[in-house]
Protein backbone atom coordinates (compact mmCIF):
# COMPACT_ATOMS: atom_id res chain seq x y z
CA UNK A 1 56.49 29.71 150.18
CA UNK A 2 54.84 32.97 151.21
CA UNK A 3 56.86 35.88 152.51
CA UNK A 4 55.81 39.34 153.62
CA UNK A 5 52.73 40.32 155.56
CA UNK A 6 51.66 36.72 156.03
CA UNK A 7 54.84 35.99 158.00
CA UNK A 8 53.82 38.63 160.50
CA UNK A 9 50.32 37.22 161.04
CA UNK A 10 48.62 40.26 159.55
CA UNK A 11 46.26 38.34 157.27
CA UNK A 12 46.14 35.18 155.20
CA UNK A 13 45.83 35.19 151.42
CA UNK A 14 42.87 32.86 151.29
CA UNK A 15 40.59 34.64 153.78
CA UNK A 16 41.65 38.29 153.66
CA UNK A 17 42.45 38.91 149.99
CA UNK A 18 40.23 36.68 147.86
CA UNK A 19 41.77 35.86 144.52
CA UNK A 20 45.33 36.89 145.36
CA UNK A 21 46.88 33.45 144.89
CA UNK A 22 45.06 32.90 141.60
CA UNK A 23 45.92 36.40 140.34
CA UNK A 24 49.60 35.90 141.11
CA UNK A 25 49.61 32.49 139.45
CA UNK A 26 47.85 33.86 136.36
CA UNK A 27 50.12 36.90 136.14
CA UNK A 28 53.26 34.75 136.39
CA UNK A 29 51.93 32.45 133.70
CA UNK A 30 51.13 35.41 131.45
CA UNK A 31 54.58 36.90 131.97
CA UNK A 32 56.41 33.64 131.30
CA UNK A 33 54.36 33.18 128.14
CA UNK A 34 55.82 36.44 126.80
CA UNK A 35 59.37 35.08 126.55
CA UNK A 36 60.91 34.64 123.12
CA UNK A 37 62.48 31.30 122.18
CA UNK A 38 65.90 32.43 123.39
CA UNK A 39 64.57 32.81 126.94
CA UNK A 40 64.36 36.59 127.33
CA UNK A 41 61.63 39.21 126.90
CA UNK A 42 61.38 41.77 124.10
CA UNK A 43 58.18 43.53 125.15
CA UNK A 44 56.21 45.88 122.94
CA UNK A 45 56.36 49.65 123.00
CA UNK A 46 53.31 51.70 122.09
CA UNK A 47 52.98 53.06 118.58
CA UNK A 48 53.86 56.73 118.48
CA UNK A 49 52.34 59.54 116.44
CA UNK A 50 55.57 61.48 116.88
CA UNK A 51 57.74 58.61 115.65
CA UNK A 52 55.40 57.93 112.77
CA UNK A 53 55.32 61.58 111.71
CA UNK A 54 59.08 62.00 111.78
CA UNK A 55 59.70 58.70 109.96
CA UNK A 56 57.17 59.51 107.23
CA UNK A 57 58.58 63.03 106.86
CA UNK A 58 62.16 61.73 106.61
CA UNK A 59 61.27 59.13 103.98
CA UNK A 60 59.36 61.76 102.01
CA UNK A 61 62.34 64.11 101.96
CA UNK A 62 64.84 61.37 101.20
CA UNK A 63 62.94 59.76 98.30
CA UNK A 64 59.15 60.17 98.04
CA UNK A 65 58.84 57.88 95.02
CA UNK A 66 60.82 55.01 96.53
CA UNK A 67 58.83 55.10 99.77
CA UNK A 68 55.38 56.04 98.48
CA UNK A 69 53.74 53.01 100.07
CA UNK A 70 55.22 53.56 103.54
CA UNK A 71 54.43 57.27 103.36
CA UNK A 72 50.79 56.64 102.44
CA UNK A 73 50.31 54.00 105.16
CA UNK A 74 51.99 56.17 107.78
CA UNK A 75 49.84 59.19 106.89
CA UNK A 76 46.72 57.04 107.06
CA UNK A 77 47.68 55.80 110.53
CA UNK A 78 48.19 59.38 111.69
CA UNK A 79 44.81 60.48 110.37
CA UNK A 80 43.12 57.45 111.91
CA UNK A 81 44.57 58.25 115.33
CA UNK A 82 43.99 62.01 115.38
CA UNK A 83 42.44 63.01 118.70
CA UNK A 84 38.93 64.40 118.82
CA UNK A 85 40.27 67.90 119.44
CA UNK A 86 42.34 67.79 116.23
CA UNK A 87 45.72 67.25 117.85
CA UNK A 88 47.95 64.30 118.64
CA UNK A 89 49.72 63.01 121.72
CA UNK A 90 52.80 60.80 121.75
CA UNK A 91 50.75 57.60 122.14
CA UNK A 92 47.18 56.77 121.18
CA UNK A 93 46.31 57.13 124.88
CA UNK A 94 48.00 60.52 125.27
CA UNK A 95 46.42 63.94 125.38
CA UNK A 96 47.25 66.27 122.51
CA UNK A 97 50.47 68.24 122.88
CA UNK A 98 52.12 70.99 120.88
CA UNK A 99 55.30 69.14 119.88
CA UNK A 100 53.63 66.08 118.38
CA UNK A 101 50.83 68.06 116.73
CA UNK A 102 53.30 70.42 115.06
CA UNK A 103 55.31 67.50 113.70
CA UNK A 104 52.22 65.69 112.39
CA UNK A 105 50.90 68.91 110.86
CA UNK A 106 54.23 69.47 109.07
CA UNK A 107 54.09 65.89 107.80
CA UNK A 108 50.52 66.04 106.51
CA UNK A 109 51.15 69.43 104.93
CA UNK A 110 54.05 67.88 103.02
CA UNK A 111 52.59 64.53 101.99
CA UNK A 112 48.82 65.18 101.87
CA UNK A 113 48.34 68.97 101.70
CA UNK A 114 44.88 70.45 101.96
CA UNK A 115 43.17 67.52 103.60
CA UNK A 116 40.74 67.80 106.52
CA UNK A 117 43.24 66.22 108.93
CA UNK A 118 45.76 68.95 108.16
CA UNK A 119 43.15 71.67 108.62
CA UNK A 120 42.11 70.30 112.02
CA UNK A 121 45.77 70.13 113.07
CA UNK A 122 46.30 73.75 112.01
CA UNK A 123 43.23 74.81 113.99
CA UNK A 124 44.47 72.95 117.09
CA UNK A 125 47.85 74.69 116.93
CA UNK A 126 46.19 78.07 116.49
CA UNK A 127 44.02 77.49 119.56
CA UNK A 128 46.99 76.27 121.58
CA UNK A 129 49.46 78.98 120.56
CA UNK A 130 47.04 81.83 119.91
CA UNK A 131 48.54 82.81 116.56
CA UNK A 132 50.07 80.92 113.62
CA UNK A 133 52.79 83.47 113.03
CA UNK A 134 56.35 82.06 113.18
CA UNK A 135 57.21 84.14 116.23
CA UNK A 136 54.40 82.64 118.28
CA UNK A 137 55.11 79.05 117.21
CA UNK A 138 58.81 79.43 117.99
CA UNK A 139 58.16 81.02 121.36
CA UNK A 140 55.70 78.28 122.34
CA UNK A 141 58.17 75.53 121.46
CA UNK A 142 61.14 77.17 123.16
CA UNK A 143 59.13 77.97 126.26
CA UNK A 144 58.30 74.28 126.63
CA UNK A 145 61.92 73.13 126.51
CA UNK A 146 63.79 76.09 127.97
CA UNK A 147 67.53 76.13 127.34
CA UNK A 148 67.56 72.48 126.30
CA UNK A 149 67.81 72.50 122.49
CA UNK A 150 67.70 68.70 122.20
CA UNK A 151 64.14 68.62 120.93
CA UNK A 152 63.22 72.27 120.36
CA UNK A 153 65.62 72.72 117.44
CA UNK A 154 64.61 69.49 115.64
CA UNK A 155 60.94 70.47 115.95
CA UNK A 156 61.59 73.92 114.52
CA UNK A 157 63.77 72.45 111.76
CA UNK A 158 60.86 70.23 110.73
CA UNK A 159 58.49 73.20 110.95
CA UNK A 160 60.77 75.13 108.61
CA UNK A 161 61.02 72.21 106.17
CA UNK A 162 57.24 71.71 106.30
CA UNK A 163 56.41 75.35 105.61
CA UNK A 164 54.96 76.12 109.04
CA UNK A 165 57.35 79.05 109.57
CA UNK A 166 56.53 80.77 106.30
CA UNK A 167 57.00 80.23 102.57
CA UNK A 168 60.18 82.36 102.37
CA UNK A 169 62.87 79.76 103.06
CA UNK A 170 65.56 82.19 104.19
CA UNK A 171 63.24 83.90 106.67
CA UNK A 172 61.86 80.58 107.88
CA UNK A 173 65.32 79.23 108.69
CA UNK A 174 66.15 82.41 110.59
CA UNK A 175 63.79 81.11 113.28
CA UNK A 176 65.80 77.88 113.70
CA UNK A 177 68.74 78.22 116.05
CA UNK A 178 72.14 77.21 114.69
CA UNK A 179 73.54 74.24 116.59
CA UNK A 180 77.34 74.45 116.96
CA UNK A 181 78.22 71.35 114.94
CA UNK A 182 81.88 72.40 114.94
CA UNK A 183 82.09 71.45 118.62
CA UNK A 184 81.76 67.80 117.60
CA UNK A 185 85.33 68.03 116.31
CA UNK A 186 86.65 68.47 119.85
CA UNK A 187 87.70 65.45 121.95
CA UNK A 188 84.68 63.73 123.44
CA UNK A 189 86.06 64.15 126.95
CA UNK A 190 85.65 67.94 126.58
CA UNK A 191 81.92 67.85 125.88
CA UNK A 192 80.84 68.24 129.50
CA UNK A 193 82.99 71.35 129.89
CA UNK A 194 81.84 72.74 126.53
CA UNK A 195 78.25 72.66 127.84
CA UNK A 196 76.64 71.61 124.58
CA UNK A 197 73.08 72.88 124.07
CA UNK A 198 71.82 69.30 123.64
CA UNK A 199 71.97 66.32 125.98
CA UNK A 200 74.81 63.82 125.71
CA UNK A 201 72.94 61.27 123.61
CA UNK A 202 71.86 63.81 120.96
CA UNK A 203 75.26 64.34 119.30
CA UNK A 204 73.98 63.08 115.90
CA UNK A 205 71.25 65.75 115.96
CA UNK A 206 73.78 68.43 116.86
CA UNK A 207 75.84 67.46 113.80
CA UNK A 208 73.13 66.83 111.20
CA UNK A 209 70.76 69.66 112.13
CA UNK A 210 73.69 72.01 112.62
CA UNK A 211 74.79 71.19 109.07
CA UNK A 212 71.42 71.71 107.39
CA UNK A 213 70.90 74.99 109.26
CA UNK A 214 74.30 76.13 108.05
CA UNK A 215 73.54 75.14 104.45
CA UNK A 216 70.18 76.88 104.50
CA UNK A 217 71.38 80.07 106.20
CA UNK A 218 75.18 80.21 106.57
CA UNK A 219 76.79 82.47 109.12
CA UNK A 220 79.03 85.19 107.70
CA UNK A 221 81.42 84.63 110.60
CA UNK A 222 81.55 80.86 111.16
CA UNK A 223 80.36 79.68 107.76
CA UNK A 224 83.81 79.02 106.35
CA UNK A 225 84.89 77.21 109.50
CA UNK A 226 81.91 74.88 109.26
CA UNK A 227 82.56 74.15 105.59
CA UNK A 228 86.20 73.42 106.39
CA UNK A 229 85.47 71.14 109.35
CA UNK A 230 82.48 69.31 107.79
CA UNK A 231 84.44 66.47 106.15
CA UNK A 232 85.92 65.53 109.50
CA UNK A 233 82.62 65.86 111.36
CA UNK A 234 80.85 63.93 108.62
CA UNK A 235 83.23 61.03 109.27
CA UNK A 236 82.58 61.33 113.00
CA UNK A 237 78.84 61.07 112.39
CA UNK A 238 79.38 58.01 110.24
CA UNK A 239 81.63 56.42 112.86
CA UNK A 240 79.09 56.76 115.67
CA UNK A 241 76.16 55.40 113.68
CA UNK A 242 75.25 51.96 115.03
CA UNK A 243 75.59 49.03 112.67
CA UNK A 244 71.80 48.70 112.53
CA UNK A 245 71.52 52.27 111.25
CA UNK A 246 69.33 53.63 114.04
CA UNK A 247 70.67 56.25 116.43
CA UNK A 248 69.57 55.13 119.92
CA UNK A 249 67.63 52.50 117.94
CA UNK A 250 64.96 55.19 117.95
CA UNK A 251 62.90 56.38 114.99
CA UNK A 252 62.71 60.08 115.98
CA UNK A 253 66.44 60.75 116.32
CA UNK A 254 67.22 58.65 113.25
CA UNK A 255 64.52 60.45 111.25
CA UNK A 256 65.70 63.90 112.32
CA UNK A 257 69.24 63.08 111.20
CA UNK A 258 67.92 61.68 107.90
CA UNK A 259 65.72 64.65 106.99
CA UNK A 260 68.44 67.10 107.97
CA UNK A 261 71.14 65.51 105.83
CA UNK A 262 68.74 64.98 102.92
CA UNK A 263 67.87 68.69 102.89
CA UNK A 264 71.53 69.67 103.22
CA UNK A 265 72.31 68.02 99.90
CA UNK A 266 73.56 64.77 101.46
CA UNK A 267 70.93 62.25 100.27
CA UNK A 268 73.69 59.84 99.24
CA UNK A 269 75.56 60.08 102.55
CA UNK A 270 76.27 56.61 104.02
CA UNK A 271 74.51 57.68 107.22
CA UNK A 272 71.32 58.45 105.29
CA UNK A 273 71.43 55.14 103.42
CA UNK A 274 71.77 53.12 106.62
CA UNK A 275 69.23 55.26 108.48
CA UNK A 276 66.60 54.71 105.79
CA UNK A 277 67.13 50.95 106.02
CA UNK A 278 66.54 51.21 109.77
CA UNK A 279 63.31 53.16 109.28
CA UNK A 280 62.09 50.73 106.64
CA UNK A 281 62.74 47.79 108.95
CA UNK A 282 61.05 49.46 111.93
CA UNK A 283 57.62 50.12 110.42
CA UNK A 284 54.78 48.10 111.93
CA UNK A 285 52.12 46.23 109.92
CA UNK A 286 49.62 49.02 110.60
CA UNK A 287 51.95 51.67 109.15
CA UNK A 288 53.15 53.16 112.46
CA UNK A 289 56.49 53.37 114.23
CA UNK A 290 57.25 53.01 117.94
CA UNK A 291 59.47 55.36 119.91
CA UNK A 292 62.24 52.71 119.97
CA UNK A 293 62.79 49.19 118.65
CA UNK A 294 62.43 47.55 122.04
CA UNK A 295 63.53 47.63 125.69
CA UNK A 296 64.59 43.97 125.71
CA UNK A 297 67.36 44.22 128.31
CA UNK A 298 65.32 46.46 130.60
CA UNK A 299 62.12 44.41 130.58
CA UNK A 300 64.08 41.14 130.84
CA UNK A 301 65.89 42.29 133.97
CA UNK A 302 62.63 43.60 135.44
CA UNK A 303 60.99 40.25 134.74
CA UNK A 304 63.87 38.31 136.27
CA UNK A 305 63.66 40.31 139.48
CA UNK A 306 59.89 39.95 139.66
CA UNK A 307 59.84 36.20 139.07
CA UNK A 308 62.63 35.51 141.54
CA UNK A 309 61.22 37.69 144.29
CA UNK A 310 60.44 35.75 147.47
CA UNK A 311 60.80 32.01 147.11
CA UNK A 312 60.37 31.96 143.35
CA UNK A 313 58.45 29.20 141.66
CA UNK A 314 58.84 25.94 139.78
CA UNK A 315 57.35 27.58 136.68
CA UNK A 316 60.67 29.41 136.22
CA UNK A 317 63.13 26.59 136.65
CA UNK A 318 66.88 26.31 136.86
CA UNK A 319 67.29 25.88 133.12
CA UNK A 320 65.18 28.97 132.42
CA UNK A 321 67.16 31.02 134.90
CA UNK A 322 70.51 29.89 133.52
CA UNK A 323 69.45 30.71 129.94
CA UNK A 324 68.38 34.20 130.95
CA UNK A 325 71.48 34.78 133.08
CA UNK A 326 73.80 33.89 130.21
CA UNK A 327 71.82 36.13 127.83
CA UNK A 328 72.06 39.10 130.21
CA UNK A 329 75.80 38.58 130.62
CA UNK A 330 76.18 38.51 126.83
CA UNK A 331 74.60 41.96 126.55
CA UNK A 332 77.21 43.61 128.75
CA UNK A 333 79.31 46.19 126.90
CA UNK A 334 82.71 44.67 126.12
CA UNK A 335 84.42 47.68 124.52
CA UNK A 336 84.36 51.47 124.61
CA UNK A 337 81.05 52.71 123.24
CA UNK A 338 81.55 55.02 120.23
CA UNK A 339 78.51 57.15 121.01
CA UNK A 340 79.25 58.31 124.56
CA UNK A 341 82.77 56.87 124.95
CA UNK A 342 81.44 54.83 127.88
CA UNK A 343 83.90 52.27 129.21
CA UNK A 344 83.14 48.54 129.12
CA UNK A 345 81.05 47.00 131.88
CA UNK A 346 77.60 48.57 131.45
CA UNK A 347 74.31 47.56 129.85
CA UNK A 348 71.94 49.41 127.50
CA UNK A 349 68.14 49.09 127.37
CA UNK A 350 68.14 46.96 124.22
CA UNK A 351 70.21 44.17 122.74
CA UNK A 352 70.30 46.00 119.39
CA UNK A 353 73.34 47.98 118.31
CA UNK A 354 71.69 51.38 118.78
CA UNK A 355 71.40 51.08 122.54
CA UNK A 356 73.58 53.26 124.75
CA UNK A 357 74.94 52.00 128.09
CA UNK A 358 73.26 53.75 130.99
CA UNK A 359 72.96 53.83 134.76
CA UNK A 360 69.41 52.49 135.02
CA UNK A 361 69.78 49.38 132.88
CA UNK A 362 73.16 48.57 134.41
CA UNK A 363 71.91 48.21 138.02
CA UNK A 364 68.86 46.45 136.60
CA UNK A 365 71.14 43.86 135.01
CA UNK A 366 73.25 43.57 138.15
CA UNK A 367 70.19 42.93 140.31
CA UNK A 368 68.84 40.41 137.81
CA UNK A 369 72.13 38.52 137.82
CA UNK A 370 72.03 38.46 141.61
CA UNK A 371 68.48 37.09 141.53
CA UNK A 372 69.35 34.47 138.91
CA UNK A 373 72.49 33.22 140.67
CA UNK A 374 72.03 30.00 142.61
CA UNK A 375 74.49 28.72 145.19
CA UNK A 376 76.90 31.61 144.70
CA UNK A 377 78.02 33.37 141.54
CA UNK A 378 80.33 31.61 139.15
CA UNK A 379 83.52 33.34 137.99
CA UNK A 380 81.97 34.74 134.79
CA UNK A 381 78.95 36.16 136.59
CA UNK A 382 81.07 37.56 139.38
CA UNK A 383 83.38 39.27 136.88
CA UNK A 384 80.40 40.74 135.04
CA UNK A 385 78.98 42.01 138.34
CA UNK A 386 82.28 43.53 139.40
CA UNK A 387 82.77 45.26 136.03
CA UNK A 388 79.24 46.65 136.12
CA UNK A 389 79.59 47.82 139.70
CA UNK A 390 82.84 49.62 138.93
CA UNK A 391 81.25 51.25 135.87
CA UNK A 392 78.58 52.71 138.14
CA UNK A 393 81.20 53.81 140.66
CA UNK A 394 83.07 55.70 137.95
CA UNK A 395 79.84 57.41 136.86
CA UNK A 396 78.84 58.81 140.26
CA UNK A 397 78.72 62.61 140.24
CA UNK A 398 80.28 64.95 142.77
CA UNK A 399 76.86 65.53 144.35
CA UNK A 400 76.68 61.81 145.20
CA UNK A 401 73.96 61.11 142.67
CA UNK A 402 74.19 59.00 139.56
CA UNK A 403 73.38 60.43 136.11
CA UNK A 404 72.06 58.42 133.18
CA UNK A 405 74.88 58.42 130.68
CA UNK A 406 77.86 60.65 131.43
CA UNK A 407 79.54 61.89 134.58
CA UNK A 408 79.80 65.65 134.97
CA UNK A 409 77.17 66.67 132.42
CA UNK A 410 74.89 68.83 134.56
CA UNK A 411 73.73 71.64 132.29
CA UNK A 412 70.54 69.96 131.08
CA UNK A 413 67.92 67.96 133.02
CA UNK A 414 68.38 64.62 131.28
CA UNK A 415 72.10 64.60 132.02
CA UNK A 416 71.87 65.35 135.74
CA UNK A 417 71.91 63.03 138.73
CA UNK A 418 68.48 61.67 139.57
CA UNK A 419 67.04 60.03 142.70
CA UNK A 420 65.46 57.02 140.97
CA UNK A 421 68.64 56.07 139.12
CA UNK A 422 70.78 56.72 142.20
CA UNK A 423 68.52 54.47 144.29
CA UNK A 424 68.75 51.75 141.66
CA UNK A 425 72.54 51.90 141.71
CA UNK A 426 72.49 51.80 145.50
CA UNK A 427 70.51 48.55 145.41
CA UNK A 428 72.92 47.00 142.92
CA UNK A 429 75.98 47.86 145.00
CA UNK A 430 74.32 46.47 148.09
CA UNK A 431 73.47 43.23 146.28
CA UNK A 432 77.08 42.53 145.27
CA UNK A 433 79.25 44.25 147.87
CA UNK A 434 79.90 41.07 149.87
CA UNK A 435 81.19 39.13 146.86
CA UNK A 436 83.44 41.57 145.00
CA UNK A 437 87.13 42.12 145.69
CA UNK A 438 88.15 44.14 148.74
CA UNK A 439 89.19 47.35 146.94
CA UNK A 440 85.93 47.42 144.99
CA UNK A 441 83.95 46.75 148.17
CA UNK A 442 85.64 49.68 149.88
CA UNK A 443 84.72 51.95 146.97
CA UNK A 444 81.15 50.69 147.16
CA UNK A 445 80.85 51.50 150.86
CA UNK A 446 82.01 55.07 150.28
CA UNK A 447 79.80 55.48 147.22
CA UNK A 448 76.75 54.17 149.05
CA UNK A 449 77.21 56.65 151.89
CA UNK A 450 77.60 59.42 149.33
CA UNK A 451 74.48 58.30 147.44
CA UNK A 452 72.44 58.24 150.67
CA UNK A 453 73.39 61.85 151.35
CA UNK A 454 72.28 62.75 147.83
CA UNK A 455 68.92 61.07 148.42
CA UNK A 456 68.50 62.93 151.69
CA UNK A 457 69.16 66.24 149.97
CA UNK A 458 66.79 65.58 147.08
CA UNK A 459 63.82 64.34 149.11
CA UNK A 460 61.06 66.93 148.97
CA UNK A 461 59.55 68.35 152.13
CA UNK A 462 56.46 66.27 151.38
CA UNK A 463 58.54 63.09 151.63
CA UNK A 464 58.51 62.34 147.89
CA UNK A 465 61.21 62.08 145.25
CA UNK A 466 60.88 63.20 141.62
CA UNK A 467 62.22 60.69 139.06
CA UNK A 468 63.87 61.50 135.75
CA UNK A 469 62.66 59.00 133.14
CA UNK A 470 59.05 58.38 134.20
CA UNK A 471 56.13 60.78 134.43
CA UNK A 472 52.36 61.13 134.67
CA UNK A 473 50.28 63.11 132.21
CA UNK A 474 47.57 63.94 134.76
CA UNK A 475 49.61 65.83 137.35
CA UNK A 476 50.34 69.53 136.76
CA UNK A 477 54.13 69.26 136.41
CA UNK A 478 54.02 65.78 134.79
CA UNK A 479 56.33 64.53 137.58
CA UNK A 480 55.57 60.98 138.73
CA UNK A 481 56.30 61.19 142.43
CA UNK A 482 54.73 57.78 143.00
CA UNK A 483 57.33 56.17 140.75
CA UNK A 484 60.23 58.18 142.19
CA UNK A 485 59.22 57.66 145.81
CA UNK A 486 58.54 53.95 145.31
CA UNK A 487 61.90 53.37 143.62
CA UNK A 488 63.82 55.09 146.39
CA UNK A 489 61.81 53.42 149.14
CA UNK A 490 62.37 49.95 147.63
CA UNK A 491 66.09 50.68 147.71
CA UNK A 492 66.04 51.97 151.29
CA UNK A 493 64.11 48.89 152.39
CA UNK A 494 66.75 46.64 150.86
CA UNK A 495 69.75 48.37 152.40
CA UNK A 496 68.21 48.91 155.84
CA UNK A 497 70.40 46.27 157.50
CA UNK A 498 73.53 47.90 156.09
CA UNK A 499 72.59 51.53 156.61
CA UNK A 500 71.17 51.28 160.11
CA UNK A 501 68.40 53.22 161.81
CA UNK A 502 69.28 56.65 160.38
CA UNK A 503 67.28 55.76 157.28
CA UNK A 504 64.14 56.46 159.25
CA UNK A 505 64.42 60.16 158.54
CA UNK A 506 63.84 59.36 154.85
CA UNK A 507 61.69 56.23 154.99
CA UNK A 508 58.95 57.47 157.31
CA UNK A 509 58.09 60.61 155.25
CA UNK A 510 58.24 58.54 152.05
CA UNK A 511 55.79 55.98 153.43
CA UNK A 512 53.56 58.78 154.69
CA UNK A 513 53.54 60.39 151.23
CA UNK A 514 52.51 57.14 149.55
CA UNK A 515 49.77 56.54 152.11
CA UNK A 516 48.47 60.08 151.71
CA UNK A 517 48.31 59.75 147.92
CA UNK A 518 46.41 56.47 147.71
CA UNK A 519 43.19 56.94 145.76
CA UNK A 520 39.74 56.01 147.13
CA UNK A 521 39.66 52.99 144.79
CA UNK A 522 42.75 51.58 146.52
CA UNK A 523 45.14 52.31 143.68
CA UNK A 524 47.74 54.96 142.97
CA UNK A 525 48.36 57.36 140.12
CA UNK A 526 51.38 59.61 139.71
CA UNK A 527 50.27 61.84 142.58
CA UNK A 528 47.31 63.68 144.02
CA UNK A 529 44.42 64.02 141.61
CA UNK A 530 45.63 61.46 139.07
CA UNK A 531 43.68 58.30 138.30
CA UNK A 532 44.91 54.90 139.43
CA UNK A 533 46.96 52.70 137.14
CA UNK A 534 48.22 49.14 137.40
CA UNK A 535 51.81 50.29 136.97
CA UNK A 536 51.85 52.92 139.71
CA UNK A 537 49.74 50.88 142.12
CA UNK A 538 52.02 47.86 141.79
CA UNK A 539 55.11 49.96 142.47
CA UNK A 540 53.54 51.60 145.53
CA UNK A 541 52.42 48.24 146.92
CA UNK A 542 55.88 46.75 146.49
CA UNK A 543 57.49 49.75 148.19
CA UNK A 544 55.08 49.75 151.14
CA UNK A 545 55.36 45.99 151.62
CA UNK A 546 58.97 46.48 152.65
CA UNK A 547 58.03 48.56 155.71
CA UNK A 548 55.87 46.05 157.53
CA UNK A 549 56.79 47.30 161.00
CA UNK A 550 54.14 50.01 160.63
CA UNK A 551 50.55 49.06 161.42
CA UNK A 552 49.21 51.86 159.25
CA UNK A 553 50.37 50.16 156.03
CA UNK A 554 48.30 47.01 156.49
CA UNK A 555 44.94 48.25 155.21
CA UNK A 556 46.44 50.34 152.35
CA UNK A 557 48.39 47.28 151.21
CA UNK A 558 45.28 45.15 151.21
CA UNK A 559 43.37 47.78 149.25
CA UNK A 560 46.24 48.10 146.80
CA UNK A 561 46.33 44.34 146.25
CA UNK A 562 42.56 44.28 145.74
CA UNK A 563 42.85 47.06 143.17
CA UNK A 564 45.49 45.08 141.25
CA UNK A 565 43.39 41.91 141.31
CA UNK A 566 40.38 43.79 139.97
CA UNK A 567 42.22 45.95 137.44
CA UNK A 568 43.98 42.92 135.94
CA UNK A 569 40.84 40.75 135.99
CA UNK A 570 42.48 38.29 138.31
CA UNK A 571 45.92 38.53 136.70
CA UNK A 572 44.71 37.91 133.14
CA UNK A 573 44.46 41.39 131.58
CA UNK A 574 47.08 44.15 131.72
CA UNK A 575 46.06 47.42 130.03
CA UNK A 576 49.13 49.67 129.83
CA UNK A 577 49.23 53.40 130.51
CA UNK A 578 51.71 56.04 129.22
CA UNK A 579 54.21 56.32 132.05
CA UNK A 580 57.65 56.43 130.45
CA UNK A 581 59.68 59.33 129.13
CA UNK A 582 62.07 59.03 126.24
CA UNK A 583 64.24 61.51 124.33
CA UNK A 584 63.27 64.89 125.80
CA UNK A 585 60.06 63.78 127.51
CA UNK A 586 58.37 61.83 124.75
CA UNK A 587 55.73 59.60 126.29
CA UNK A 588 55.48 55.87 125.80
CA UNK A 589 53.80 52.86 127.32
CA UNK A 590 55.27 49.36 127.44
CA UNK A 591 52.92 46.39 127.27
CA UNK A 592 54.93 44.35 129.81
CA UNK A 593 55.19 47.00 132.54
CA UNK A 594 51.80 46.32 134.18
CA UNK A 595 52.35 42.57 133.90
CA UNK A 596 55.86 42.61 135.41
CA UNK A 597 55.09 45.05 138.19
CA UNK A 598 51.90 43.21 139.14
CA UNK A 599 53.88 39.98 139.55
CA UNK A 600 56.48 41.80 141.64
CA UNK A 601 53.86 43.46 143.84
CA UNK A 602 51.73 40.37 144.47
CA UNK A 603 54.88 38.32 145.03
CA UNK A 604 55.58 40.64 147.99
CA UNK A 605 52.73 39.18 150.04
């Protein structure tokens, strides 16, 4: 059954790594126990101070009397989870940051003014910014996000509504930049060329916040145009709202849209009514909200790949695999997506209506379908794989990389090509290229060569790659090079037989970087100087296990496995760490990540 280092006579699991077999068995059992009745995984995202603050604030501005109970419980949760320094981070395990603390301060000032929690928040902001004057707050927020208005403008809108930019409403709104909501009236295909000041998935914020800013402080030049075009844009906003009411199925974006429309005199707007229902449904028993409803598709495809790695196991039988395969196929987009106008064929991160098809979940689904297919793919699976592969081919940018949502949107970081997503797409193409039709296979071959060149060009001199959607709070630039390097290296290991020996120029420096950044305890963090985590260690171990021709990986792999066994208490405990980014670098942790990645890593031996 065993594959990996044992096949090469390096060491045996029973004598060289005590507890490995038991830890793997326990971890697999724990992971399988997390399935819902329908055979897939929903996971559990960390509660978020930022999500809770924005949801409470939105409900307060929409109807404080109707939502008094939710508002009180949410405020209590925020006060209970205030950090010792007076600020808040995105998760309960996050260090305090300016964005979240400003939003919580604005919320407490609105719903529970004058309390000690509000005073401590104000003091934290003053220490962080140096002055509580509007100019200094605005400069601090805009310096953090640069030219990307996706999150800076919503934060400042909420600061204006919460009185943090001064009591004079007209002067306060002067500090909030006007978003060009009128651009939403143009054909969606023009958006990349129009270079919107927000990322592609933030169109609802552009519309709603643009409208409230206009109503609060209309432009003498464009004011009449915005009034004239609003009815049409209002209908556009309504048409792109998911049936569940939540934009991106995320509390922050939905809350920002809600509070903006409510303060623009649109409390009865159909979008507000549906958004409030979404927020009401999303509150947790403790009064908090998570950053998103769930990552069901993403964690299910990760789990499928982990469980099927190597020879698999009888604990995940044919019936289980078929049930999961059918569920994944059912989540594939079957029509043009109204939010990004994405063509059919892709997958989003969740099975709820607010998910947006993207280029990380799509290769994840393709690889899961490959892993779950026994004895060759049936016609339905093969068609799903071909449609998904072509969707990725159509998304590839001119630089050879793959962006997250939309081709050609390169003005802002979260719309650009990224190495981790490109590597994921490369793996998916490689997994299916021998089974798809000839013309599609030919496109794949060209795209894979192009993607390899992109990866060569984006590899840092150190040998590492910087990912887009994952980070580490402990490294100076918050960039998680362990995640990025591991994801690319796993891909390069898989395609080695196709790509030939020229991959060595990328693989060897990547391996060297991982080896150089292993911590003394045997684990990995996001890079030099960061503490070890289960998530990052598991990814590094899996990546290094694919380059077994090098003698210098043997001891680091053993030490990495020993760290995982100890940190998980023999595969029975899986404390999660904030590692993910969401919506303009909002941190989150996912309870299943350490469990899934531990299974995948230990399955490599």
